[in-house]
């Protein structure tokens, strides 16, 4: 019998027999949580330095542990590390290898901590890193949207409500609407980062530890803004993972909405947008096809990330305090949400500058659906007619024009005057597409003057954000 009473696990002293092979295969997590190795080594290094600071480890032991962890990191980075399923997870694999390399000092590393607070720390470090990556990608994408919007300020296209032609809008204005959506996504991620950036290490299994740990020193080493206030909550809390995944899911929903528009706009029946060949595929049987696969896949992958969020919510909803093994399953949804959103953001950042608006086709589409009807109503209001009466009159004119099969601007003045004597020949200057755009001068409107002002504000906002980030890094 070995020193672990017949069980070779690092925790095996309590057990008289080894883990059943089925249980071992079922319960291992190293197949997916090995991805946390950078965070695990960073956390262990900080913990070791703190143990040396409080006198639990000698200076020589701290140096041996930190050097050993650095060497293991190098081996993992270069694919030389052998992950062992029987050691269950990333934490035990690294600790076992460290002990094998440096001896007794390696066995002292776990003093004052548990895998419960260790994994909570690793996950917070991972989510923090993931948020930083996604924020950088969103910034790149919004820059491309701003540049594209500037090119298309004066391009006219139909604006839709209920997917029916509503009013003419600037395509640049539409692209800035996309930018507003991902800007809020960035704000949500940044807000989630603040709640993620709290150190749980030092909570141990659930009740804290009798060792005089300097948790604030560890927080400083790892860049955490605060330490957790309650040890039971700290080891069992997965709010930060849920909130992160929720922000990812909503960002994917926004990308999915864009994708739906691109699928429609690139359809020859719309013909508004040409997607680059490199972002489309053909058909194995129909040589005429050019399929918008990237937008379709983004739209489809959105369901995966929404599913990741649902999985985390269900995972957490029935767990009593404190830590439960259920939380092992928090990692695949978080990893998948991060990976999927990151890939989609990269694709859209590459796609946006290369998609082309078919300006003639988009403009021609504005001739359908009477998009300047509201401008005609506003014209009547300017002549003194109450808006509700103007709305009714224009509704009658629209019905007449539909029967005649022509746009409002194509109706003769005499026909227009049959519905209101207030209409004079100056009306035709008010119901052109350009006049309709130019009239929408409210702050945030689609008038080209407002779109250009919005672009200036957007660039200033980006520059200010970059300056803040550089100041924070310094």
Protein backbone atom coordinates (compact mmCIF):
# COMPACT_ATOMS: atom_id res chain seq x y z
CA UNK A 1 0.00 0.00 0.00
CA UNK A 2 1.36 3.44 -0.89
CA UNK A 3 1.45 6.45 1.43
CA UNK A 4 -1.95 7.54 0.10
CA UNK A 5 -3.68 4.45 1.42
CA UNK A 6 -4.03 2.77 -1.98
CA UNK A 7 -5.10 5.90 -3.86
CA UNK A 8 -2.42 7.71 -5.87
CA UNK A 9 -4.28 11.01 -6.04
CA UNK A 10 -2.77 14.04 -4.31
CA UNK A 11 -5.90 14.05 -2.15
CA UNK A 12 -5.95 10.25 -1.72
CA UNK A 13 -5.02 9.87 1.96
CA UNK A 14 -8.67 9.45 3.00
CA UNK A 15 -9.37 6.69 0.44
CA UNK A 16 -8.65 2.97 0.56
CA UNK A 17 -9.05 2.23 -3.14
CA UNK A 18 -8.32 3.96 -6.42
CA UNK A 19 -10.84 5.86 -8.51
CA UNK A 20 -13.05 3.73 -10.72
CA UNK A 21 -11.92 4.00 -14.35
CA UNK A 22 -15.38 5.09 -15.48
CA UNK A 23 -15.48 7.78 -12.79
CA UNK A 24 -12.00 8.94 -13.69
CA UNK A 25 -12.92 9.39 -17.34
CA UNK A 26 -16.24 10.99 -16.42
CA UNK A 27 -14.92 13.45 -13.88
CA UNK A 28 -11.67 14.65 -15.46
CA UNK A 29 -11.55 18.22 -16.69
CA UNK A 30 -7.98 18.56 -17.90
CA UNK A 31 -9.17 17.90 -21.45
CA UNK A 32 -10.67 21.39 -21.44
CA UNK A 33 -9.33 23.27 -18.40
CA UNK A 34 -5.70 22.83 -19.50
CA UNK A 35 -6.49 26.02 -21.35
CA UNK A 36 -6.18 27.83 -18.00
CA UNK A 37 -2.50 26.97 -17.60
CA UNK A 38 -1.26 30.55 -17.98
CA UNK A 39 -3.68 31.82 -15.37
CA UNK A 40 -2.97 28.89 -13.07
CA UNK A 41 0.78 29.43 -13.20
CA UNK A 42 0.37 33.19 -12.69
CA UNK A 43 -1.84 32.60 -9.65
CA UNK A 44 0.50 29.98 -8.19
CA UNK A 45 3.52 32.21 -8.69
CA UNK A 46 1.83 35.09 -6.88
CA UNK A 47 0.69 32.75 -4.09
CA UNK A 48 4.23 31.42 -3.65
CA UNK A 49 5.70 34.92 -3.44
CA UNK A 50 3.10 35.83 -0.84
CA UNK A 51 3.90 32.69 1.21
CA UNK A 52 7.52 33.77 1.18
CA UNK A 53 6.56 37.28 2.23
CA UNK A 54 4.72 35.98 5.33
CA UNK A 55 7.45 33.47 6.23
CA UNK A 56 5.69 30.21 5.33
CA UNK A 57 8.26 29.57 2.60
CA UNK A 58 11.96 30.35 2.63
CA UNK A 59 13.46 32.57 -0.04
CA UNK A 60 15.11 29.49 -1.58
CA UNK A 61 11.79 27.65 -1.70
CA UNK A 62 10.07 30.60 -3.33
CA UNK A 63 12.79 30.79 -5.95
CA UNK A 64 12.59 27.04 -6.61
CA UNK A 65 8.81 27.16 -6.99
CA UNK A 66 8.78 30.23 -9.24
CA UNK A 67 11.60 28.95 -11.42
CA UNK A 68 9.95 25.55 -11.64
CA UNK A 69 6.62 27.08 -12.65
CA UNK A 70 8.34 29.23 -15.27
CA UNK A 71 10.03 26.15 -16.73
CA UNK A 72 6.71 24.29 -16.83
CA UNK A 73 5.15 27.26 -18.61
CA UNK A 74 7.87 27.10 -21.24
CA UNK A 75 7.26 23.39 -21.77
CA UNK A 76 3.50 23.89 -22.11
CA UNK A 77 4.02 26.81 -24.50
CA UNK A 78 6.18 24.67 -26.76
CA UNK A 79 4.03 21.53 -26.58
CA UNK A 80 6.47 19.52 -24.47
CA UNK A 81 4.22 19.06 -21.43
CA UNK A 82 2.47 15.73 -20.93
CA UNK A 83 -1.04 16.24 -19.56
CA UNK A 84 -2.25 13.28 -17.49
CA UNK A 85 -5.95 12.48 -17.25
CA UNK A 86 -5.55 10.64 -13.96
CA UNK A 87 -4.45 13.91 -12.36
CA UNK A 88 -7.92 15.27 -13.12
CA UNK A 89 -7.35 18.94 -13.88
CA UNK A 90 -4.91 21.67 -14.83
CA UNK A 91 -4.11 22.48 -11.19
CA UNK A 92 -3.10 18.97 -10.14
CA UNK A 93 -1.15 18.37 -13.33
CA UNK A 94 0.98 21.46 -12.79
CA UNK A 95 1.42 20.88 -9.06
CA UNK A 96 2.40 17.23 -9.55
CA UNK A 97 4.92 18.14 -12.23
CA UNK A 98 6.34 20.93 -10.07
CA UNK A 99 6.84 18.53 -7.15
CA UNK A 100 8.45 15.97 -9.44
CA UNK A 101 10.92 18.62 -10.59
CA UNK A 102 11.80 20.48 -7.39
CA UNK A 103 10.88 18.03 -4.63
CA UNK A 104 9.53 18.96 -1.17
CA UNK A 105 9.17 22.66 -1.91
CA UNK A 106 6.56 21.80 -4.51
CA UNK A 107 4.41 20.13 -1.86
CA UNK A 108 4.32 23.36 0.14
CA UNK A 109 2.82 25.49 -2.65
CA UNK A 110 -0.75 24.55 -1.79
CA UNK A 111 -0.44 25.84 1.77
CA UNK A 112 -3.32 28.16 2.60
CA UNK A 113 -5.33 27.56 -0.54
CA UNK A 114 -7.79 25.08 -2.05
CA UNK A 115 -8.59 24.13 -5.58
CA UNK A 116 -11.88 25.91 -4.91
CA UNK A 117 -10.35 29.38 -4.59
CA UNK A 118 -7.60 28.45 -7.04
CA UNK A 119 -9.99 27.70 -9.91
CA UNK A 120 -12.14 30.72 -9.07
CA UNK A 121 -9.01 32.86 -9.40
CA UNK A 122 -7.97 31.20 -12.65
CA UNK A 123 -11.40 31.74 -14.16
CA UNK A 124 -11.49 35.39 -13.15
CA UNK A 125 -8.06 35.90 -14.68
CA UNK A 126 -9.22 34.15 -17.86
CA UNK A 127 -12.43 36.16 -18.18
CA UNK A 128 -10.50 39.37 -17.55
CA UNK A 129 -8.06 38.48 -20.34
CA UNK A 130 -10.92 37.47 -22.64
CA UNK A 131 -12.69 40.77 -22.08
CA UNK A 132 -9.53 42.72 -22.88
CA UNK A 133 -9.14 40.78 -26.12
CA UNK A 134 -12.78 41.29 -27.13
CA UNK A 135 -12.66 45.00 -26.32
CA UNK A 136 -9.67 45.40 -28.64
CA UNK A 137 -11.50 43.53 -31.41
CA UNK A 138 -14.65 45.60 -30.96
CA UNK A 139 -12.55 48.75 -31.17
CA UNK A 140 -11.09 47.56 -34.48
CA UNK A 141 -14.54 46.77 -35.83
CA UNK A 142 -16.03 50.08 -34.80
CA UNK A 143 -13.13 51.88 -36.49
CA UNK A 144 -13.96 50.05 -39.73
CA UNK A 145 -17.62 50.96 -39.36
CA UNK A 146 -16.81 54.64 -38.83
CA UNK A 147 -14.55 54.66 -41.90
CA UNK A 148 -17.20 52.91 -43.99
CA UNK A 149 -19.87 55.31 -42.74
CA UNK A 150 -17.75 58.26 -43.83
CA UNK A 151 -17.54 56.85 -47.36
CA UNK A 152 -21.30 56.42 -47.50
CA UNK A 153 -22.61 59.59 -45.85
CA UNK A 154 -24.41 60.73 -49.01
CA UNK A 155 -25.51 57.28 -50.19
CA UNK A 156 -29.30 56.89 -50.08
CA UNK A 157 -31.05 53.65 -49.25
CA UNK A 158 -34.49 52.72 -47.94
CA UNK A 159 -34.87 52.66 -44.20
CA UNK A 160 -37.24 49.94 -43.04
CA UNK A 161 -39.71 49.38 -40.26
CA UNK A 162 -41.58 46.06 -40.18
CA UNK A 163 -39.23 45.25 -43.11
CA UNK A 164 -41.36 47.62 -45.21
CA UNK A 165 -39.95 50.71 -46.88
CA UNK A 166 -40.34 53.55 -44.38
CA UNK A 167 -38.14 56.58 -45.10
CA UNK A 168 -34.91 57.21 -46.99
CA UNK A 169 -31.77 57.09 -44.87
CA UNK A 170 -28.06 57.54 -45.39
CA UNK A 171 -26.21 54.23 -45.62
CA UNK A 172 -23.55 55.86 -43.46
CA UNK A 173 -26.23 56.49 -40.85
CA UNK A 174 -27.20 52.82 -40.97
CA UNK A 175 -23.60 51.73 -40.45
CA UNK A 176 -23.30 54.06 -37.47
CA UNK A 177 -26.39 52.35 -36.03
CA UNK A 178 -24.42 49.12 -36.13
CA UNK A 179 -21.58 50.89 -34.39
CA UNK A 180 -23.87 52.06 -31.58
CA UNK A 181 -24.87 48.46 -30.90
CA UNK A 182 -21.33 47.14 -30.51
CA UNK A 183 -20.33 50.23 -28.55
CA UNK A 184 -22.90 49.24 -25.93
CA UNK A 185 -21.52 45.70 -26.07
CA UNK A 186 -18.09 47.08 -25.28
CA UNK A 187 -19.52 49.07 -22.39
CA UNK A 188 -21.22 45.97 -21.00
CA UNK A 189 -18.00 43.97 -21.22
CA UNK A 190 -16.02 46.75 -19.54
CA UNK A 191 -18.61 46.93 -16.79
CA UNK A 192 -18.49 43.15 -16.32
CA UNK A 193 -14.70 43.37 -16.11
CA UNK A 194 -14.95 45.58 -13.03
CA UNK A 195 -16.97 42.95 -11.18
CA UNK A 196 -14.71 40.18 -12.45
CA UNK A 197 -11.58 41.93 -11.21
CA UNK A 198 -11.91 40.77 -7.58
CA UNK A 199 -9.47 38.27 -6.07
CA UNK A 200 -10.96 35.12 -4.46
CA UNK A 201 -7.60 33.48 -3.66
CA UNK A 202 -7.15 33.18 0.08
CA UNK A 203 -10.72 32.02 0.66
CA UNK A 204 -9.41 28.44 0.66
CA UNK A 205 -12.09 25.73 0.50
CA UNK A 206 -14.92 27.95 1.81
CA UNK A 207 -14.08 29.25 5.29
CA UNK A 208 -10.76 31.04 4.89
CA UNK A 209 -7.49 29.79 6.38
CA UNK A 210 -5.56 30.10 9.66
CA UNK A 211 -2.41 31.19 7.79
CA UNK A 212 -1.80 34.97 7.88
CA UNK A 213 -2.15 35.36 4.12
CA UNK A 214 -1.53 38.78 2.62
CA UNK A 215 -4.36 38.72 0.11
CA UNK A 216 -3.91 42.34 -0.89
CA UNK A 217 -0.32 41.63 -1.87
CA UNK A 218 -1.50 38.79 -4.13
CA UNK A 219 -4.17 41.07 -5.60
CA UNK A 220 -1.50 43.64 -6.38
CA UNK A 221 0.74 41.06 -8.06
CA UNK A 222 -2.12 39.77 -10.21
CA UNK A 223 -3.62 43.16 -11.01
CA UNK A 224 -6.89 42.67 -9.15
CA UNK A 225 -8.62 45.85 -8.01
CA UNK A 226 -10.03 44.33 -4.81
CA UNK A 227 -10.19 41.16 -2.73
CA UNK A 228 -13.39 39.24 -2.05
CA UNK A 229 -15.27 40.06 1.14
CA UNK A 230 -16.82 36.66 1.87
CA UNK A 231 -15.00 33.37 1.52
CA UNK A 232 -18.14 31.27 0.93
CA UNK A 233 -19.36 33.53 -1.83
CA UNK A 234 -15.90 33.86 -3.36
CA UNK A 235 -15.41 30.14 -4.04
CA UNK A 236 -18.95 29.51 -5.29
CA UNK A 237 -19.70 32.72 -7.21
CA UNK A 238 -20.01 32.34 -10.97
CA UNK A 239 -21.92 35.57 -11.55
CA UNK A 240 -18.91 36.99 -13.36
CA UNK A 241 -18.88 34.07 -15.81
CA UNK A 242 -22.61 34.40 -16.42
CA UNK A 243 -22.39 38.14 -16.88
CA UNK A 244 -19.49 37.77 -19.31
CA UNK A 245 -21.34 35.15 -21.32
CA UNK A 246 -24.50 37.27 -21.29
CA UNK A 247 -22.53 40.18 -22.75
CA UNK A 248 -21.11 37.83 -25.40
CA UNK A 249 -24.58 36.51 -26.21
CA UNK A 250 -26.00 39.99 -26.68
CA UNK A 251 -23.05 41.00 -28.85
CA UNK A 252 -23.69 37.92 -30.98
CA UNK A 253 -27.36 38.87 -31.25
CA UNK A 254 -26.28 42.23 -32.64
CA UNK A 255 -23.95 40.57 -35.15
CA UNK A 256 -26.78 38.22 -36.07
CA UNK A 257 -29.04 41.17 -36.82
CA UNK A 258 -26.37 42.61 -39.11
CA UNK A 259 -26.03 39.20 -40.72
CA UNK A 260 -29.74 39.02 -41.43
CA UNK A 261 -29.55 42.39 -43.19
CA UNK A 262 -26.55 41.35 -45.25
CA UNK A 263 -28.25 38.11 -46.26
CA UNK A 264 -31.25 40.13 -47.45
CA UNK A 265 -29.26 42.96 -49.04
CA UNK A 266 -26.97 40.61 -50.97
CA UNK A 267 -29.95 38.70 -52.37
CA UNK A 268 -30.38 39.70 -56.05
CA UNK A 269 -33.99 40.65 -55.32
CA UNK A 270 -32.59 43.43 -53.11
CA UNK A 271 -29.16 43.82 -54.68
CA UNK A 272 -28.09 46.55 -52.27
CA UNK A 273 -24.74 45.09 -51.23
CA UNK A 274 -22.01 43.15 -52.97
CA UNK A 275 -20.09 40.87 -50.63
CA UNK A 276 -16.49 40.00 -51.56
CA UNK A 277 -16.03 36.58 -53.13
CA UNK A 278 -13.60 35.57 -50.40
CA UNK A 279 -16.41 35.76 -47.85
CA UNK A 280 -18.91 33.72 -49.88
CA UNK A 281 -19.17 30.20 -51.26
CA UNK A 282 -20.81 28.55 -54.24
CA UNK A 283 -23.13 25.63 -54.72
CA UNK A 284 -22.02 22.09 -55.50
CA UNK A 285 -24.82 21.78 -58.07
CA UNK A 286 -25.91 25.31 -59.07
CA UNK A 287 -23.10 27.24 -60.77
CA UNK A 288 -25.00 30.53 -60.52
CA UNK A 289 -24.98 30.67 -56.73
CA UNK A 290 -22.99 33.06 -54.52
CA UNK A 291 -23.97 32.24 -50.96
CA UNK A 292 -23.41 34.68 -48.05
CA UNK A 293 -21.97 31.97 -45.83
CA UNK A 294 -20.15 34.22 -43.36
CA UNK A 295 -23.28 36.16 -42.33
CA UNK A 296 -25.29 32.94 -42.28
CA UNK A 297 -22.76 31.21 -40.04
CA UNK A 298 -22.55 34.18 -37.69
CA UNK A 299 -26.34 34.11 -37.48
CA UNK A 300 -26.22 30.38 -36.75
CA UNK A 301 -23.40 30.57 -34.21
CA UNK A 302 -25.41 33.11 -32.24
CA UNK A 303 -27.60 30.25 -31.10
CA UNK A 304 -24.55 28.49 -29.66
CA UNK A 305 -23.60 31.46 -27.51
CA UNK A 306 -27.18 31.98 -26.34
CA UNK A 307 -27.06 28.27 -25.42
CA UNK A 308 -23.81 28.83 -23.51
CA UNK A 309 -25.54 31.49 -21.42
CA UNK A 310 -28.50 29.22 -20.76
CA UNK A 311 -26.17 26.40 -19.71
CA UNK A 312 -24.48 28.61 -17.12
CA UNK A 313 -27.76 29.89 -15.73
CA UNK A 314 -29.12 26.36 -15.33
CA UNK A 315 -25.77 25.18 -13.92
CA UNK A 316 -25.93 27.76 -11.16
CA UNK A 317 -29.61 27.98 -10.30
CA UNK A 318 -29.83 25.09 -7.81
CA UNK A 319 -26.42 25.12 -6.15
CA UNK A 320 -26.34 25.56 -2.38
CA UNK A 321 -23.38 27.38 -0.83
CA UNK A 322 -20.52 26.91 -1.13
CA UNK A 323 -18.49 25.22 -3.90
CA UNK A 324 -19.98 22.25 -5.78
CA UNK A 325 -18.39 20.06 -8.44
CA UNK A 326 -21.10 21.24 -10.84
CA UNK A 327 -18.93 24.32 -11.33
CA UNK A 328 -16.42 22.24 -13.24
CA UNK A 329 -18.87 22.62 -16.12
CA UNK A 330 -18.66 26.41 -16.16
CA UNK A 331 -15.58 26.40 -18.38
CA UNK A 332 -16.75 24.99 -21.74
CA UNK A 333 -19.59 27.55 -22.11
CA UNK A 334 -17.29 30.45 -21.18
CA UNK A 335 -14.56 29.25 -23.53
CA UNK A 336 -17.02 28.69 -26.36
CA UNK A 337 -18.71 32.07 -25.94
CA UNK A 338 -15.33 33.80 -25.99
CA UNK A 339 -14.00 31.87 -28.97
CA UNK A 340 -17.16 32.26 -31.03
CA UNK A 341 -17.57 35.99 -30.46
CA UNK A 342 -13.87 36.64 -31.07
CA UNK A 343 -13.98 34.77 -34.39
CA UNK A 344 -17.12 36.62 -35.52
CA UNK A 345 -15.69 40.02 -34.60
CA UNK A 346 -12.52 39.29 -36.57
CA UNK A 347 -14.55 38.27 -39.61
CA UNK A 348 -16.75 41.35 -39.54
CA UNK A 349 -13.76 43.65 -39.08
CA UNK A 350 -12.35 42.13 -42.28
CA UNK A 351 -15.70 42.11 -44.14
CA UNK A 352 -16.98 45.64 -43.47
CA UNK A 353 -14.27 47.54 -45.40
CA UNK A 354 -14.70 45.25 -48.41
CA UNK A 355 -18.48 45.16 -48.80
CA UNK A 356 -19.82 47.52 -51.48
CA UNK A 357 -23.11 49.36 -51.60
CA UNK A 358 -24.79 49.23 -54.99
CA UNK A 359 -25.77 52.88 -54.79
CA UNK A 360 -27.91 52.88 -57.93
CA UNK A 361 -29.88 49.84 -56.81
CA UNK A 362 -30.36 51.16 -53.26
CA UNK A 363 -31.53 54.50 -54.61
CA UNK A 364 -33.91 52.87 -57.08
CA UNK A 365 -35.45 50.88 -54.25
CA UNK A 366 -36.42 54.17 -52.61
CA UNK A 367 -38.85 54.72 -55.46
CA UNK A 368 -40.98 51.92 -54.02
CA UNK A 369 -43.11 52.18 -50.91
CA UNK A 370 -43.53 55.99 -50.95
CA UNK A 371 -40.68 56.74 -48.52
CA UNK A 372 -41.18 60.54 -48.76
CA UNK A 373 -44.83 60.43 -47.65
CA UNK A 374 -43.91 61.76 -44.20
CA UNK A 375 -42.07 64.65 -45.89
CA UNK A 376 -45.27 65.52 -47.74
CA UNK A 377 -47.17 65.47 -44.45
CA UNK A 378 -44.52 67.71 -42.87
CA UNK A 379 -44.85 70.05 -45.87
CA UNK A 380 -48.60 70.37 -45.21
CA UNK A 381 -47.91 71.01 -41.54
CA UNK A 382 -45.60 73.85 -42.57
CA UNK A 383 -48.55 75.29 -44.49
CA UNK A 384 -50.65 75.34 -41.31
CA UNK A 385 -52.51 72.02 -41.47
CA UNK A 386 -52.59 70.04 -38.18
CA UNK A 387 -50.41 66.94 -38.39
CA UNK A 388 -53.26 64.45 -37.94
CA UNK A 389 -55.17 66.07 -40.80
CA UNK A 390 -52.00 66.16 -42.89
CA UNK A 391 -51.45 62.46 -42.17
CA UNK A 392 -54.96 61.67 -43.45
CA UNK A 393 -54.57 63.76 -46.60
CA UNK A 394 -51.24 62.16 -47.48
CA UNK A 395 -52.69 58.71 -46.85
CA UNK A 396 -55.29 59.46 -49.52
CA UNK A 397 -52.60 60.73 -51.89
CA UNK A 398 -50.53 57.55 -51.33
CA UNK A 399 -53.56 55.40 -52.13
CA UNK A 400 -54.13 57.41 -55.31
CA UNK A 401 -50.46 57.15 -56.35
CA UNK A 402 -50.48 53.40 -55.70
CA UNK A 403 -53.50 53.08 -57.96
CA UNK A 404 -51.72 55.15 -60.62
CA UNK A 405 -48.57 53.04 -60.20
CA UNK A 406 -46.22 55.95 -59.62
CA UNK A 407 -44.23 57.65 -56.86
CA UNK A 408 -45.47 60.78 -55.12
CA UNK A 409 -42.96 62.99 -56.91
CA UNK A 410 -44.29 61.75 -60.26
CA UNK A 411 -47.84 62.96 -59.61
CA UNK A 412 -48.82 66.15 -61.44
CA UNK A 413 -49.43 69.20 -59.28
CA UNK A 414 -53.09 69.26 -60.32
CA UNK A 415 -53.59 65.74 -58.94
CA UNK A 416 -51.94 66.68 -55.65
CA UNK A 417 -54.10 69.79 -55.34
CA UNK A 418 -57.24 67.64 -55.63
CA UNK A 419 -56.44 66.48 -52.10
CA UNK A 420 -55.32 69.82 -50.60
CA UNK A 421 -55.31 73.35 -51.98
CA UNK A 422 -52.35 74.06 -49.67
CA UNK A 423 -50.05 72.18 -52.04
CA UNK A 424 -48.19 74.41 -54.49
CA UNK A 425 -45.35 73.82 -56.92
CA UNK A 426 -42.74 74.23 -54.18
CA UNK A 427 -43.77 70.78 -52.90
CA UNK A 428 -41.56 68.94 -55.40
CA UNK A 429 -38.41 70.35 -53.82
CA UNK A 430 -39.54 68.91 -50.49
CA UNK A 431 -40.23 65.32 -51.53
CA UNK A 432 -36.99 64.40 -53.26
CA UNK A 433 -34.78 61.79 -51.59
CA UNK A 434 -32.03 64.35 -50.96
CA UNK A 435 -34.49 66.81 -49.44
CA UNK A 436 -35.90 64.09 -47.20
CA UNK A 437 -32.41 63.21 -45.94
CA UNK A 438 -31.36 66.81 -45.48
CA UNK A 439 -34.48 67.62 -43.46
CA UNK A 440 -33.69 65.10 -40.70
CA UNK A 441 -31.41 67.48 -38.84
CA UNK A 442 -32.25 66.54 -35.27
CA UNK A 443 -29.26 65.40 -33.21
CA UNK A 444 -28.66 61.77 -34.17
CA UNK A 445 -30.72 62.07 -37.36
CA UNK A 446 -29.90 60.83 -40.85
CA UNK A 447 -29.21 64.22 -42.46
CA UNK A 448 -25.71 64.12 -43.98
CA UNK A 449 -24.71 67.08 -41.81
CA UNK A 450 -25.72 65.11 -38.73
CA UNK A 451 -24.02 61.92 -39.95
CA UNK A 452 -20.76 63.79 -40.49
CA UNK A 453 -21.05 65.31 -37.02
CA UNK A 454 -21.71 61.85 -35.59
CA UNK A 455 -18.56 60.54 -37.30
CA UNK A 456 -16.52 63.33 -35.73
CA UNK A 457 -17.95 62.50 -32.31
CA UNK A 458 -17.36 58.77 -32.80
CA UNK A 459 -13.71 59.31 -33.70
CA UNK A 460 -13.23 61.63 -30.74
CA UNK A 461 -14.83 59.05 -28.47
CA UNK A 462 -12.50 56.34 -29.76
CA UNK A 463 -9.45 58.56 -29.31
CA UNK A 464 -10.50 59.42 -25.76
CA UNK A 465 -11.04 55.76 -24.98
CA UNK A 466 -7.60 54.86 -26.32
CA UNK A 467 -6.03 57.63 -24.23
CA UNK A 468 -7.79 56.34 -21.11
CA UNK A 469 -6.56 52.81 -21.81
CA UNK A 470 -2.99 54.01 -22.27
CA UNK A 471 -3.24 55.97 -19.03
CA UNK A 472 -4.56 52.93 -17.18
CA UNK A 473 -1.77 50.75 -18.59
CA UNK A 474 0.83 53.31 -17.52
